[in-house]
Full PDB file with SEQRES, HELIX, SHEET, SSBOND, CRYST1, ORIGX, SCALE, CONECT and MASTER records, all heavy atoms in Angstrom:
SEQRES   1 A   32  ILE LEU ASN SER PRO GLY VAL ILE VAL VAL LEU TYR GLU          
SEQRES   2 A   32  ALA LEU HIS SER TYR ARG GLN ILE PHE THR ASP GLY ARG          
SEQRES   3 A   32  ALA LEU PRO LYS ASP PRO                                      
HELIX    1 AA1 ALA A   14  HIS A   16  5                                   3    
SHEET    1 AA1 3 LEU A   2  SER A   4  0                                        
SHEET    2 AA1 3 VAL A   7  TYR A  12 -1                                        
SHEET    3 AA1 3 SER A  17  PHE A  22 -1                                        
CRYST1    1.000    1.000    1.000  90.00  90.00  90.00 P 1           1          
ORIGX1      1.000000  0.000000  0.000000        0.00000                         
ORIGX2      0.000000  1.000000  0.000000        0.00000                         
ORIGX3      0.000000  0.000000  1.000000        0.00000                         
SCALE1      1.000000  0.000000  0.000000        0.00000                         
SCALE2      0.000000  1.000000  0.000000        0.00000                         
SCALE3      0.000000  0.000000  1.000000        0.00000                         
ATOM      1  N   ILE A   1       1.538  -8.487   6.436  1.00  0.00           N  
ATOM      2  CA  ILE A   1       0.482  -7.517   6.175  1.00  0.00           C  
ATOM      3  C   ILE A   1       0.169  -6.774   7.467  1.00  0.00           C  
ATOM      4  O   ILE A   1      -0.016  -7.390   8.525  1.00  0.00           O  
ATOM      5  CB  ILE A   1      -0.786  -8.204   5.637  1.00  0.00           C  
ATOM      6  CG1 ILE A   1      -0.494  -8.907   4.302  1.00  0.00           C  
ATOM      7  CG2 ILE A   1      -1.911  -7.191   5.465  1.00  0.00           C  
ATOM      8  CD1 ILE A   1      -1.685  -9.648   3.713  1.00  0.00           C  
ATOM      9  N   LEU A   2       0.133  -5.445   7.373  1.00  0.00           N  
ATOM     10  CA  LEU A   2      -0.193  -4.582   8.503  1.00  0.00           C  
ATOM     11  C   LEU A   2      -1.429  -3.772   8.157  1.00  0.00           C  
ATOM     12  O   LEU A   2      -1.441  -3.049   7.160  1.00  0.00           O  
ATOM     13  CB  LEU A   2       0.973  -3.639   8.827  1.00  0.00           C  
ATOM     14  CG  LEU A   2       2.328  -4.293   9.137  1.00  0.00           C  
ATOM     15  CD1 LEU A   2       3.410  -3.230   9.260  1.00  0.00           C  
ATOM     16  CD2 LEU A   2       2.248  -5.120  10.419  1.00  0.00           C  
ATOM     17  N   ASN A   3      -2.477  -3.888   8.957  1.00  0.00           N  
ATOM     18  CA  ASN A   3      -3.699  -3.113   8.751  1.00  0.00           C  
ATOM     19  C   ASN A   3      -3.623  -1.795   9.506  1.00  0.00           C  
ATOM     20  O   ASN A   3      -3.179  -1.754  10.651  1.00  0.00           O  
ATOM     21  CB  ASN A   3      -4.911  -3.885   9.282  1.00  0.00           C  
ATOM     22  CG  ASN A   3      -5.519  -4.801   8.253  1.00  0.00           C  
ATOM     23  OD1 ASN A   3      -5.038  -4.883   7.128  1.00  0.00           O  
ATOM     24  ND2 ASN A   3      -6.566  -5.502   8.623  1.00  0.00           N  
ATOM     25  N   SER A   4      -4.048  -0.719   8.867  1.00  0.00           N  
ATOM     26  CA  SER A   4      -4.212   0.558   9.555  1.00  0.00           C  
ATOM     27  C   SER A   4      -5.301   1.331   8.827  1.00  0.00           C  
ATOM     28  O   SER A   4      -5.592   1.056   7.657  1.00  0.00           O  
ATOM     29  CB  SER A   4      -2.902   1.355   9.573  1.00  0.00           C  
ATOM     30  OG  SER A   4      -2.487   1.684   8.263  1.00  0.00           O  
ATOM     31  N   PRO A   5      -5.940   2.302   9.474  1.00  0.00           N  
ATOM     32  CA  PRO A   5      -7.013   3.059   8.824  1.00  0.00           C  
ATOM     33  C   PRO A   5      -6.520   3.781   7.567  1.00  0.00           C  
ATOM     34  O   PRO A   5      -5.534   4.508   7.595  1.00  0.00           O  
ATOM     35  CB  PRO A   5      -7.442   4.056   9.908  1.00  0.00           C  
ATOM     36  CG  PRO A   5      -7.054   3.408  11.196  1.00  0.00           C  
ATOM     37  CD  PRO A   5      -5.777   2.678  10.891  1.00  0.00           C  
ATOM     38  N   GLY A   6      -7.176   3.523   6.446  1.00  0.00           N  
ATOM     39  CA  GLY A   6      -6.859   4.223   5.208  1.00  0.00           C  
ATOM     40  C   GLY A   6      -5.760   3.619   4.374  1.00  0.00           C  
ATOM     41  O   GLY A   6      -5.596   3.988   3.202  1.00  0.00           O  
ATOM     42  N   VAL A   7      -4.995   2.696   4.924  1.00  0.00           N  
ATOM     43  CA  VAL A   7      -3.904   2.100   4.142  1.00  0.00           C  
ATOM     44  C   VAL A   7      -3.534   0.744   4.742  1.00  0.00           C  
ATOM     45  O   VAL A   7      -3.523   0.568   5.963  1.00  0.00           O  
ATOM     46  CB  VAL A   7      -2.661   3.018   4.085  1.00  0.00           C  
ATOM     47  CG1 VAL A   7      -2.070   3.233   5.473  1.00  0.00           C  
ATOM     48  CG2 VAL A   7      -1.614   2.473   3.119  1.00  0.00           C  
ATOM     49  N   ILE A   8      -3.274  -0.215   3.872  1.00  0.00           N  
ATOM     50  CA  ILE A   8      -2.728  -1.516   4.269  1.00  0.00           C  
ATOM     51  C   ILE A   8      -1.294  -1.567   3.757  1.00  0.00           C  
ATOM     52  O   ILE A   8      -1.036  -1.301   2.583  1.00  0.00           O  
ATOM     53  CB  ILE A   8      -3.560  -2.669   3.683  1.00  0.00           C  
ATOM     54  CG1 ILE A   8      -4.970  -2.660   4.299  1.00  0.00           C  
ATOM     55  CG2 ILE A   8      -2.888  -4.013   3.916  1.00  0.00           C  
ATOM     56  CD1 ILE A   8      -5.923  -3.655   3.661  1.00  0.00           C  
ATOM     57  N   VAL A   9      -0.358  -1.883   4.640  1.00  0.00           N  
ATOM     58  CA  VAL A   9       1.055  -1.931   4.286  1.00  0.00           C  
ATOM     59  C   VAL A   9       1.501  -3.387   4.222  1.00  0.00           C  
ATOM     60  O   VAL A   9       1.161  -4.188   5.098  1.00  0.00           O  
ATOM     61  CB  VAL A   9       1.916  -1.159   5.306  1.00  0.00           C  
ATOM     62  CG1 VAL A   9       3.396  -1.268   4.963  1.00  0.00           C  
ATOM     63  CG2 VAL A   9       1.494   0.311   5.350  1.00  0.00           C  
ATOM     64  N   VAL A  10       2.237  -3.724   3.181  1.00  0.00           N  
ATOM     65  CA  VAL A  10       2.771  -5.072   3.027  1.00  0.00           C  
ATOM     66  C   VAL A  10       4.288  -4.983   3.043  1.00  0.00           C  
ATOM     67  O   VAL A  10       4.892  -4.252   2.248  1.00  0.00           O  
ATOM     68  CB  VAL A  10       2.297  -5.735   1.727  1.00  0.00           C  
ATOM     69  CG1 VAL A  10       2.719  -7.201   1.700  1.00  0.00           C  
ATOM     70  CG2 VAL A  10       0.782  -5.629   1.575  1.00  0.00           C  
ATOM     71  N   LEU A  11       4.907  -5.709   3.969  1.00  0.00           N  
ATOM     72  CA  LEU A  11       6.362  -5.766   4.080  1.00  0.00           C  
ATOM     73  C   LEU A  11       6.830  -7.101   3.519  1.00  0.00           C  
ATOM     74  O   LEU A  11       6.453  -8.165   4.024  1.00  0.00           O  
ATOM     75  CB  LEU A  11       6.796  -5.635   5.543  1.00  0.00           C  
ATOM     76  CG  LEU A  11       6.281  -4.420   6.310  1.00  0.00           C  
ATOM     77  CD1 LEU A  11       6.742  -4.481   7.768  1.00  0.00           C  
ATOM     78  CD2 LEU A  11       6.735  -3.134   5.657  1.00  0.00           C  
ATOM     79  N   TYR A  12       7.644  -7.054   2.482  1.00  0.00           N  
ATOM     80  CA  TYR A  12       8.122  -8.275   1.831  1.00  0.00           C  
ATOM     81  C   TYR A  12       9.530  -8.611   2.318  1.00  0.00           C  
ATOM     82  O   TYR A  12      10.414  -7.746   2.308  1.00  0.00           O  
ATOM     83  CB  TYR A  12       8.137  -8.096   0.313  1.00  0.00           C  
ATOM     84  CG  TYR A  12       6.772  -7.891  -0.289  1.00  0.00           C  
ATOM     85  CD1 TYR A  12       6.334  -6.622  -0.644  1.00  0.00           C  
ATOM     86  CD2 TYR A  12       5.914  -8.968  -0.506  1.00  0.00           C  
ATOM     87  CE1 TYR A  12       5.079  -6.422  -1.200  1.00  0.00           C  
ATOM     88  CE2 TYR A  12       4.659  -8.780  -1.054  1.00  0.00           C  
ATOM     89  CZ  TYR A  12       4.247  -7.511  -1.403  1.00  0.00           C  
ATOM     90  OH  TYR A  12       3.004  -7.311  -1.954  1.00  0.00           O  
ATOM     91  N   GLU A  13       9.721  -9.865   2.711  1.00  0.00           N  
ATOM     92  CA  GLU A  13      11.059 -10.274   3.133  1.00  0.00           C  
ATOM     93  C   GLU A  13      12.035 -10.198   1.960  1.00  0.00           C  
ATOM     94  O   GLU A  13      13.159  -9.740   2.110  1.00  0.00           O  
ATOM     95  CB  GLU A  13      11.022 -11.691   3.697  1.00  0.00           C  
ATOM     96  CG  GLU A  13      12.368 -12.170   4.222  1.00  0.00           C  
ATOM     97  CD  GLU A  13      12.251 -13.506   4.897  1.00  0.00           C  
ATOM     98  OE1 GLU A  13      11.618 -13.574   5.970  1.00  0.00           O  
ATOM     99  OE2 GLU A  13      12.798 -14.490   4.354  1.00  0.00           O  
ATOM    100  N   ALA A  14      11.606 -10.657   0.787  1.00  0.00           N  
ATOM    101  CA  ALA A  14      12.477 -10.642  -0.384  1.00  0.00           C  
ATOM    102  C   ALA A  14      12.859  -9.211  -0.743  1.00  0.00           C  
ATOM    103  O   ALA A  14      11.991  -8.357  -0.953  1.00  0.00           O  
ATOM    104  CB  ALA A  14      11.795 -11.322  -1.560  1.00  0.00           C  
ATOM    105  N   LEU A  15      14.137  -8.949  -0.771  1.00  0.00           N  
ATOM    106  CA  LEU A  15      14.685  -7.650  -1.167  1.00  0.00           C  
ATOM    107  C   LEU A  15      14.267  -6.509  -0.241  1.00  0.00           C  
ATOM    108  O   LEU A  15      14.402  -5.347  -0.601  1.00  0.00           O  
ATOM    109  CB  LEU A  15      14.306  -7.315  -2.625  1.00  0.00           C  
ATOM    110  CG  LEU A  15      14.930  -8.238  -3.660  1.00  0.00           C  
ATOM    111  CD1 LEU A  15      14.322  -7.999  -5.026  1.00  0.00           C  
ATOM    112  CD2 LEU A  15      16.436  -8.068  -3.706  1.00  0.00           C  
ATOM    113  N   HIS A  16      13.773  -6.854   0.950  1.00  0.00           N  
ATOM    114  CA  HIS A  16      13.422  -5.819   1.939  1.00  0.00           C  
ATOM    115  C   HIS A  16      12.550  -4.733   1.311  1.00  0.00           C  
ATOM    116  O   HIS A  16      12.803  -3.537   1.444  1.00  0.00           O  
ATOM    117  CB  HIS A  16      14.699  -5.190   2.512  1.00  0.00           C  
ATOM    118  CG  HIS A  16      15.023  -5.674   3.889  1.00  0.00           C  
ATOM    119  ND1 HIS A  16      14.818  -6.963   4.277  1.00  0.00           N  
ATOM    120  CD2 HIS A  16      15.528  -5.031   4.982  1.00  0.00           C  
ATOM    121  CE1 HIS A  16      15.204  -7.114   5.544  1.00  0.00           C  
ATOM    122  NE2 HIS A  16      15.633  -5.966   5.995  1.00  0.00           N  
ATOM    123  N   SER A  17      11.518  -5.129   0.612  1.00  0.00           N  
ATOM    124  CA  SER A  17      10.677  -4.173  -0.098  1.00  0.00           C  
ATOM    125  C   SER A  17       9.329  -4.022   0.607  1.00  0.00           C  
ATOM    126  O   SER A  17       9.007  -4.774   1.529  1.00  0.00           O  
ATOM    127  CB  SER A  17      10.476  -4.618  -1.550  1.00  0.00           C  
ATOM    128  OG  SER A  17      10.018  -5.961  -1.598  1.00  0.00           O  
ATOM    129  N   TYR A  18       8.578  -3.040   0.180  1.00  0.00           N  
ATOM    130  CA  TYR A  18       7.280  -2.788   0.805  1.00  0.00           C  
ATOM    131  C   TYR A  18       6.292  -2.287  -0.238  1.00  0.00           C  
ATOM    132  O   TYR A  18       6.647  -1.908  -1.350  1.00  0.00           O  
ATOM    133  CB  TYR A  18       7.393  -1.748   1.926  1.00  0.00           C  
ATOM    134  CG  TYR A  18       7.657  -0.347   1.426  1.00  0.00           C  
ATOM    135  CD1 TYR A  18       6.598   0.528   1.179  1.00  0.00           C  
ATOM    136  CD2 TYR A  18       8.941   0.103   1.172  1.00  0.00           C  
ATOM    137  CE1 TYR A  18       6.825   1.813   0.701  1.00  0.00           C  
ATOM    138  CE2 TYR A  18       9.178   1.375   0.699  1.00  0.00           C  
ATOM    139  CZ  TYR A  18       8.124   2.227   0.464  1.00  0.00           C  
ATOM    140  OH  TYR A  18       8.349   3.492  -0.019  1.00  0.00           O  
ATOM    141  N   ARG A  19       5.030  -2.262   0.169  1.00  0.00           N  
ATOM    142  CA  ARG A  19       3.948  -1.854  -0.719  1.00  0.00           C  
ATOM    143  C   ARG A  19       2.844  -1.200   0.114  1.00  0.00           C  
ATOM    144  O   ARG A  19       2.596  -1.607   1.250  1.00  0.00           O  
ATOM    145  CB  ARG A  19       3.410  -3.086  -1.432  1.00  0.00           C  
ATOM    146  CG  ARG A  19       2.238  -2.867  -2.363  1.00  0.00           C  
ATOM    147  CD  ARG A  19       1.732  -4.210  -2.838  1.00  0.00           C  
ATOM    148  NE  ARG A  19       0.673  -4.102  -3.823  1.00  0.00           N  
ATOM    149  CZ  ARG A  19      -0.126  -5.108  -4.174  1.00  0.00           C  
ATOM    150  NH1 ARG A  19       0.042  -6.297  -3.631  1.00  0.00           N  
ATOM    151  NH2 ARG A  19      -1.067  -4.936  -5.056  1.00  0.00           N  
ATOM    152  N   GLN A  20       2.207  -0.180  -0.449  1.00  0.00           N  
ATOM    153  CA  GLN A  20       1.082   0.472   0.201  1.00  0.00           C  
ATOM    154  C   GLN A  20      -0.187   0.267  -0.630  1.00  0.00           C  
ATOM    155  O   GLN A  20      -0.186   0.521  -1.832  1.00  0.00           O  
ATOM    156  CB  GLN A  20       1.341   1.969   0.358  1.00  0.00           C  
ATOM    157  CG  GLN A  20       2.549   2.305   1.217  1.00  0.00           C  
ATOM    158  CD  GLN A  20       2.735   3.803   1.346  1.00  0.00           C  
ATOM    159  OE1 GLN A  20       2.259   4.422   2.279  1.00  0.00           O  
ATOM    160  NE2 GLN A  20       3.443   4.387   0.400  1.00  0.00           N  
ATOM    161  N   ILE A  21      -1.244  -0.180   0.032  1.00  0.00           N  
ATOM    162  CA  ILE A  21      -2.555  -0.339  -0.602  1.00  0.00           C  
ATOM    163  C   ILE A  21      -3.493   0.657   0.072  1.00  0.00           C  
ATOM    164  O   ILE A  21      -3.872   0.481   1.237  1.00  0.00           O  
ATOM    165  CB  ILE A  21      -3.080  -1.775  -0.444  1.00  0.00           C  
ATOM    166  CG1 ILE A  21      -2.098  -2.782  -1.055  1.00  0.00           C  
ATOM    167  CG2 ILE A  21      -4.458  -1.912  -1.082  1.00  0.00           C  
ATOM    168  CD1 ILE A  21      -2.416  -4.232  -0.721  1.00  0.00           C  
ATOM    169  N   PHE A  22      -3.850   1.713  -0.631  1.00  0.00           N  
ATOM    170  CA  PHE A  22      -4.657   2.772  -0.030  1.00  0.00           C  
ATOM    171  C   PHE A  22      -6.132   2.391  -0.060  1.00  0.00           C  
ATOM    172  O   PHE A  22      -6.673   2.017  -1.102  1.00  0.00           O  
ATOM    173  CB  PHE A  22      -4.421   4.085  -0.758  1.00  0.00           C  
ATOM    174  CG  PHE A  22      -3.036   4.633  -0.533  1.00  0.00           C  
ATOM    175  CD1 PHE A  22      -2.031   4.433  -1.471  1.00  0.00           C  
ATOM    176  CD2 PHE A  22      -2.731   5.323   0.630  1.00  0.00           C  
ATOM    177  CE1 PHE A  22      -0.751   4.921  -1.257  1.00  0.00           C  
ATOM    178  CE2 PHE A  22      -1.459   5.812   0.855  1.00  0.00           C  
ATOM    179  CZ  PHE A  22      -0.453   5.617  -0.085  1.00  0.00           C  
ATOM    180  N   THR A  23      -6.775   2.499   1.104  1.00  0.00           N  
ATOM    181  CA  THR A  23      -8.194   2.159   1.244  1.00  0.00           C  
ATOM    182  C   THR A  23      -8.999   3.377   1.678  1.00  0.00           C  
ATOM    183  O   THR A  23     -10.065   3.244   2.295  1.00  0.00           O  
ATOM    184  CB  THR A  23      -8.364   1.027   2.263  1.00  0.00           C  
ATOM    185  OG1 THR A  23      -7.775   1.424   3.520  1.00  0.00           O  
ATOM    186  CG2 THR A  23      -7.692  -0.248   1.784  1.00  0.00           C  
ATOM    187  N   ASP A  24      -8.482   4.574   1.370  1.00  0.00           N  
ATOM    188  CA  ASP A  24      -9.117   5.817   1.812  1.00  0.00           C  
ATOM    189  C   ASP A  24     -10.040   6.422   0.763  1.00  0.00           C  
ATOM    190  O   ASP A  24     -10.469   7.560   0.883  1.00  0.00           O  
ATOM    191  CB  ASP A  24      -8.057   6.844   2.223  1.00  0.00           C  
ATOM    192  CG  ASP A  24      -7.043   7.122   1.105  1.00  0.00           C  
ATOM    193  OD1 ASP A  24      -7.211   6.579  -0.010  1.00  0.00           O  
ATOM    194  OD2 ASP A  24      -6.083   7.878   1.353  1.00  0.00           O  
ATOM    195  N   GLY A  25     -10.334   5.672  -0.298  1.00  0.00           N  
ATOM    196  CA  GLY A  25     -11.273   6.133  -1.306  1.00  0.00           C  
ATOM    197  C   GLY A  25     -10.659   6.862  -2.482  1.00  0.00           C  
ATOM    198  O   GLY A  25     -11.370   7.253  -3.414  1.00  0.00           O  
ATOM    199  N   ARG A  26      -9.351   7.028  -2.497  1.00  0.00           N  
ATOM    200  CA  ARG A  26      -8.697   7.704  -3.623  1.00  0.00           C  
ATOM    201  C   ARG A  26      -8.768   6.850  -4.887  1.00  0.00           C  
ATOM    202  O   ARG A  26      -8.954   5.620  -4.816  1.00  0.00           O  
ATOM    203  CB  ARG A  26      -7.239   8.015  -3.295  1.00  0.00           C  
ATOM    204  CG  ARG A  26      -6.329   6.798  -3.251  1.00  0.00           C  
ATOM    205  CD  ARG A  26      -4.903   7.164  -2.887  1.00  0.00           C  
ATOM    206  NE  ARG A  26      -4.805   7.688  -1.530  1.00  0.00           N  
ATOM    207  CZ  ARG A  26      -3.692   8.201  -1.031  1.00  0.00           C  
ATOM    208  NH1 ARG A  26      -2.584   8.252  -1.774  1.00  0.00           N  
ATOM    209  NH2 ARG A  26      -3.666   8.647   0.219  1.00  0.00           N  
ATOM    210  N   ALA A  27      -8.584   7.486  -6.029  1.00  0.00           N  
ATOM    211  CA  ALA A  27      -8.532   6.781  -7.308  1.00  0.00           C  
ATOM    212  C   ALA A  27      -7.082   6.520  -7.696  1.00  0.00           C  
ATOM    213  O   ALA A  27      -6.155   7.169  -7.179  1.00  0.00           O  
ATOM    214  CB  ALA A  27      -9.230   7.604  -8.387  1.00  0.00           C  
ATOM    215  N   LEU A  28      -6.888   5.592  -8.617  1.00  0.00           N  
ATOM    216  CA  LEU A  28      -5.546   5.366  -9.143  1.00  0.00           C  
ATOM    217  C   LEU A  28      -5.089   6.585  -9.932  1.00  0.00           C  
ATOM    218  O   LEU A  28      -5.904   7.247 -10.589  1.00  0.00           O  
ATOM    219  CB  LEU A  28      -5.530   4.132 -10.050  1.00  0.00           C  
ATOM    220  CG  LEU A  28      -5.668   2.775  -9.342  1.00  0.00           C  
ATOM    221  CD1 LEU A  28      -5.900   1.677 -10.370  1.00  0.00           C  
ATOM    222  CD2 LEU A  28      -4.431   2.483  -8.504  1.00  0.00           C  
ATOM    223  N   PRO A  29      -3.798   6.925  -9.890  1.00  0.00           N  
ATOM    224  CA  PRO A  29      -3.315   8.076 -10.660  1.00  0.00           C  
ATOM    225  C   PRO A  29      -3.494   7.861 -12.159  1.00  0.00           C  
ATOM    226  O   PRO A  29      -3.317   6.749 -12.663  1.00  0.00           O  
ATOM    227  CB  PRO A  29      -1.837   8.171 -10.264  1.00  0.00           C  
ATOM    228  CG  PRO A  29      -1.487   6.827  -9.712  1.00  0.00           C  
ATOM    229  CD  PRO A  29      -2.731   6.276  -9.114  1.00  0.00           C  
ATOM    230  N   LYS A  30      -3.839   8.931 -12.865  1.00  0.00           N  
ATOM    231  CA  LYS A  30      -4.116   8.828 -14.299  1.00  0.00           C  
ATOM    232  C   LYS A  30      -2.852   8.799 -15.147  1.00  0.00           C  
ATOM    233  O   LYS A  30      -2.833   8.188 -16.218  1.00  0.00           O  
ATOM    234  CB  LYS A  30      -5.009   9.991 -14.727  1.00  0.00           C  
ATOM    235  CG  LYS A  30      -6.414   9.937 -14.125  1.00  0.00           C  
ATOM    236  CD  LYS A  30      -7.280  11.085 -14.625  1.00  0.00           C  
ATOM    237  CE  LYS A  30      -8.684  10.993 -14.044  1.00  0.00           C  
ATOM    238  NZ  LYS A  30      -9.564  12.102 -14.525  1.00  0.00           N  
ATOM    239  N   ASP A  31      -1.799   9.453 -14.704  1.00  0.00           N  
ATOM    240  CA  ASP A  31      -0.554   9.494 -15.477  1.00  0.00           C  
ATOM    241  C   ASP A  31       0.622   9.256 -14.531  1.00  0.00           C  
ATOM    242  O   ASP A  31       1.422  10.145 -14.261  1.00  0.00           O  
ATOM    243  CB  ASP A  31      -0.407  10.835 -16.185  1.00  0.00           C  
ATOM    244  CG  ASP A  31       0.798  10.861 -17.128  1.00  0.00           C  
ATOM    245  OD1 ASP A  31       1.238   9.775 -17.557  1.00  0.00           O  
ATOM    246  OD2 ASP A  31       1.293  11.973 -17.410  1.00  0.00           O  
ATOM    247  N   PRO A  32       0.736   8.024 -13.998  1.00  0.00           N  
ATOM    248  CA  PRO A  32       1.741   7.769 -12.966  1.00  0.00           C  
ATOM    249  C   PRO A  32       3.142   7.627 -13.519  1.00  0.00           C  
ATOM    250  O   PRO A  32       3.336   7.292 -14.691  1.00  0.00           O  
ATOM    251  CB  PRO A  32       1.267   6.440 -12.366  1.00  0.00           C  
ATOM    252  CG  PRO A  32       0.617   5.749 -13.523  1.00  0.00           C  
ATOM    253  CD  PRO A  32      -0.069   6.832 -14.310  1.00  0.00           C  
TER     254      PRO A  32                                                      
MASTER        0    0    0    1    3    0    0    6  253    1    0    3          
END                                                                             
């Protein structure tokens, strides 16, 4: 887990994948 302003990034060892968790106040997309 990497903390940064507005977004937390998660780097997964399995399958070299990643994830972004936005903490900047945005809403989830309505039609993703």
